[in-house]
N, C-alpha and C. Protein backbone atom coordinates (compact mmCIF):
# COMPACT_ATOMS: atom_id res chain seq x y z
N UNK A 1 -7.46 29.83 -10.65
CA UNK A 1 -7.52 28.40 -10.91
C UNK A 1 -7.00 27.64 -9.69
N UNK A 2 -7.62 26.53 -9.37
CA UNK A 2 -7.25 25.72 -8.21
C UNK A 2 -5.97 24.92 -8.49
N UNK A 3 -5.23 24.68 -7.41
CA UNK A 3 -4.02 23.86 -7.50
C UNK A 3 -4.11 22.74 -6.47
N UNK A 4 -3.51 21.61 -6.80
CA UNK A 4 -3.44 20.48 -5.88
C UNK A 4 -2.00 20.34 -5.41
N UNK A 5 -1.82 20.39 -4.09
CA UNK A 5 -0.49 20.24 -3.51
C UNK A 5 -0.46 18.94 -2.71
N UNK A 6 0.48 18.08 -3.03
CA UNK A 6 0.61 16.79 -2.35
C UNK A 6 0.92 17.02 -0.87
N UNK A 7 0.06 16.49 -0.01
CA UNK A 7 0.19 16.69 1.43
C UNK A 7 0.80 15.47 2.13
N UNK A 8 0.36 14.28 1.74
CA UNK A 8 0.77 13.07 2.43
C UNK A 8 0.70 11.89 1.48
N UNK A 9 1.54 10.89 1.70
CA UNK A 9 1.55 9.70 0.86
C UNK A 9 1.80 8.48 1.74
N UNK A 10 1.08 7.39 1.46
CA UNK A 10 1.30 6.13 2.16
C UNK A 10 1.00 4.98 1.20
N UNK A 11 1.38 3.77 1.59
CA UNK A 11 1.01 2.62 0.79
C UNK A 11 0.51 1.50 1.67
N UNK A 12 -0.36 0.68 1.08
CA UNK A 12 -1.02 -0.40 1.81
C UNK A 12 -0.71 -1.73 1.15
N UNK A 13 -0.24 -2.66 1.97
CA UNK A 13 0.00 -4.02 1.51
C UNK A 13 -1.18 -4.87 1.97
N UNK A 14 -1.71 -5.68 1.06
CA UNK A 14 -2.80 -6.59 1.40
C UNK A 14 -2.28 -8.01 1.27
N UNK A 15 -2.47 -8.79 2.33
CA UNK A 15 -1.99 -10.17 2.39
C UNK A 15 -3.16 -11.14 2.43
N UNK A 16 -2.99 -12.28 1.77
CA UNK A 16 -3.96 -13.36 1.87
C UNK A 16 -3.51 -14.23 3.05
N UNK A 17 -4.36 -14.27 4.09
CA UNK A 17 -3.95 -14.94 5.33
C UNK A 17 -4.58 -16.31 5.52
N UNK A 18 -5.47 -16.70 4.65
CA UNK A 18 -6.10 -18.01 4.79
C UNK A 18 -7.38 -18.09 3.99
N UNK A 19 -8.19 -19.09 4.31
CA UNK A 19 -9.46 -19.32 3.62
C UNK A 19 -10.53 -19.55 4.68
N UNK A 20 -11.71 -18.92 4.47
CA UNK A 20 -12.80 -19.08 5.44
C UNK A 20 -13.59 -20.37 5.16
N UNK A 21 -14.67 -20.57 5.91
CA UNK A 21 -15.48 -21.78 5.79
C UNK A 21 -16.11 -21.95 4.42
N UNK A 22 -16.35 -20.84 3.73
CA UNK A 22 -16.98 -20.88 2.40
C UNK A 22 -15.96 -21.08 1.28
N UNK A 23 -14.70 -21.17 1.63
CA UNK A 23 -13.65 -21.34 0.64
C UNK A 23 -13.17 -20.04 0.02
N UNK A 24 -13.56 -18.91 0.61
CA UNK A 24 -13.16 -17.59 0.12
C UNK A 24 -11.89 -17.15 0.85
N UNK A 25 -11.02 -16.43 0.15
CA UNK A 25 -9.77 -15.99 0.80
C UNK A 25 -10.05 -14.92 1.86
N UNK A 26 -9.23 -14.93 2.89
CA UNK A 26 -9.26 -13.92 3.95
C UNK A 26 -8.09 -12.99 3.72
N UNK A 27 -8.36 -11.67 3.71
CA UNK A 27 -7.32 -10.67 3.47
C UNK A 27 -7.13 -9.80 4.70
N UNK A 28 -5.88 -9.42 4.95
CA UNK A 28 -5.55 -8.46 5.99
C UNK A 28 -4.57 -7.47 5.39
N UNK A 29 -4.65 -6.23 5.86
CA UNK A 29 -3.80 -5.18 5.31
C UNK A 29 -2.91 -4.54 6.34
N UNK A 30 -1.85 -3.94 5.84
CA UNK A 30 -0.91 -3.17 6.66
C UNK A 30 -0.56 -1.90 5.89
N UNK A 31 -0.71 -0.76 6.55
CA UNK A 31 -0.44 0.52 5.92
C UNK A 31 0.86 1.11 6.45
N UNK A 32 1.68 1.61 5.54
CA UNK A 32 2.93 2.28 5.88
C UNK A 32 2.81 3.75 5.50
N UNK A 33 3.01 4.62 6.47
CA UNK A 33 2.86 6.06 6.26
C UNK A 33 4.20 6.73 6.02
N UNK A 34 4.13 8.01 5.77
CA UNK A 34 5.31 8.87 5.60
C UNK A 34 6.18 8.44 4.43
N UNK A 35 5.55 8.04 3.34
CA UNK A 35 6.28 7.72 2.12
C UNK A 35 6.78 9.04 1.52
N UNK A 36 7.98 9.05 1.05
CA UNK A 36 8.50 10.28 0.44
C UNK A 36 7.61 10.69 -0.72
N UNK A 37 7.30 11.95 -0.77
CA UNK A 37 6.39 12.45 -1.81
C UNK A 37 6.96 12.28 -3.20
N UNK A 38 8.28 12.31 -3.32
CA UNK A 38 8.91 12.20 -4.64
C UNK A 38 9.21 10.75 -5.03
N UNK A 39 8.81 9.79 -4.20
CA UNK A 39 9.06 8.37 -4.51
C UNK A 39 8.29 7.95 -5.76
N UNK A 40 8.97 7.25 -6.66
CA UNK A 40 8.34 6.78 -7.89
C UNK A 40 7.57 5.49 -7.63
N UNK A 41 6.74 5.10 -8.59
CA UNK A 41 5.99 3.85 -8.47
C UNK A 41 6.94 2.66 -8.35
N UNK A 42 8.04 2.67 -9.08
CA UNK A 42 9.01 1.59 -9.00
C UNK A 42 9.64 1.50 -7.60
N UNK A 43 9.95 2.63 -7.01
CA UNK A 43 10.54 2.64 -5.67
C UNK A 43 9.56 2.13 -4.62
N UNK A 44 8.29 2.53 -4.75
CA UNK A 44 7.26 2.05 -3.83
C UNK A 44 7.09 0.54 -3.99
N UNK A 45 7.09 0.07 -5.24
CA UNK A 45 6.94 -1.36 -5.48
C UNK A 45 8.11 -2.15 -4.89
N UNK A 46 9.33 -1.66 -5.05
CA UNK A 46 10.50 -2.34 -4.49
C UNK A 46 10.39 -2.44 -2.97
N UNK A 47 10.00 -1.34 -2.33
CA UNK A 47 9.86 -1.34 -0.88
C UNK A 47 8.75 -2.30 -0.45
N UNK A 48 7.64 -2.28 -1.17
CA UNK A 48 6.51 -3.15 -0.84
C UNK A 48 6.88 -4.62 -0.99
N UNK A 49 7.58 -4.97 -2.05
CA UNK A 49 7.98 -6.36 -2.26
C UNK A 49 8.98 -6.81 -1.19
N UNK A 50 9.88 -5.91 -0.79
CA UNK A 50 10.85 -6.24 0.27
C UNK A 50 10.12 -6.47 1.59
N UNK A 51 9.18 -5.59 1.93
CA UNK A 51 8.43 -5.76 3.17
C UNK A 51 7.51 -6.98 3.09
N UNK A 52 6.89 -7.19 1.94
CA UNK A 52 6.01 -8.34 1.77
C UNK A 52 6.76 -9.65 1.88
N UNK A 53 8.01 -9.66 1.47
CA UNK A 53 8.83 -10.86 1.56
C UNK A 53 9.15 -11.26 2.99
N UNK A 54 8.99 -10.34 3.93
CA UNK A 54 9.25 -10.63 5.34
C UNK A 54 8.07 -11.32 6.01
N UNK A 55 6.93 -11.34 5.34
CA UNK A 55 5.73 -11.94 5.91
C UNK A 55 5.61 -13.41 5.55
N UNK A 56 4.97 -14.17 6.42
CA UNK A 56 4.71 -15.58 6.14
C UNK A 56 3.52 -15.73 5.21
N UNK A 57 2.74 -14.66 5.03
CA UNK A 57 1.55 -14.70 4.18
C UNK A 57 1.86 -14.20 2.76
N UNK A 58 1.00 -14.58 1.83
CA UNK A 58 1.15 -14.22 0.43
C UNK A 58 0.73 -12.77 0.20
N UNK A 59 1.61 -11.96 -0.39
CA UNK A 59 1.28 -10.58 -0.73
C UNK A 59 0.32 -10.58 -1.90
N UNK A 60 -0.85 -9.99 -1.69
CA UNK A 60 -1.91 -10.01 -2.70
C UNK A 60 -1.93 -8.73 -3.54
N UNK A 61 -1.77 -7.58 -2.90
CA UNK A 61 -1.81 -6.33 -3.66
C UNK A 61 -1.07 -5.22 -2.92
N UNK A 62 -0.72 -4.20 -3.69
CA UNK A 62 -0.05 -3.00 -3.17
C UNK A 62 -0.80 -1.81 -3.74
N UNK A 63 -1.16 -0.88 -2.89
CA UNK A 63 -1.79 0.35 -3.39
C UNK A 63 -1.20 1.56 -2.69
N UNK A 64 -1.05 2.62 -3.47
CA UNK A 64 -0.51 3.87 -2.94
C UNK A 64 -1.65 4.86 -2.82
N UNK A 65 -1.69 5.57 -1.69
CA UNK A 65 -2.72 6.55 -1.44
C UNK A 65 -2.06 7.91 -1.18
N UNK A 66 -2.41 8.88 -2.00
CA UNK A 66 -1.88 10.23 -1.85
C UNK A 66 -3.00 11.16 -1.42
N UNK A 67 -2.69 12.09 -0.53
CA UNK A 67 -3.64 13.12 -0.09
C UNK A 67 -3.16 14.47 -0.60
N UNK A 68 -4.10 15.26 -1.07
CA UNK A 68 -3.77 16.56 -1.62
C UNK A 68 -4.54 17.65 -0.91
N UNK A 69 -3.92 18.82 -0.78
CA UNK A 69 -4.62 20.04 -0.38
C UNK A 69 -4.97 20.77 -1.66
N UNK A 70 -6.23 21.14 -1.79
CA UNK A 70 -6.67 21.91 -2.95
C UNK A 70 -6.72 23.38 -2.54
N UNK A 71 -5.93 24.19 -3.23
CA UNK A 71 -5.88 25.61 -2.90
C UNK A 71 -6.21 26.44 -4.13
């Protein structure tokens, strides 16, 4: 039977940086790598909100991306 082993984890913050000519929001993202594999969703959210608070732009979303090795 196959197993999934967590290889890498990172999270991406998406910021709303303005509005284009059509009135649609413009988004830009920043990815932070080397997140501890054992970090909980609450811990990632706390870190993301702290980092997002340092920006002049509005934090729009936070997503966590995990990579697995299938063996």
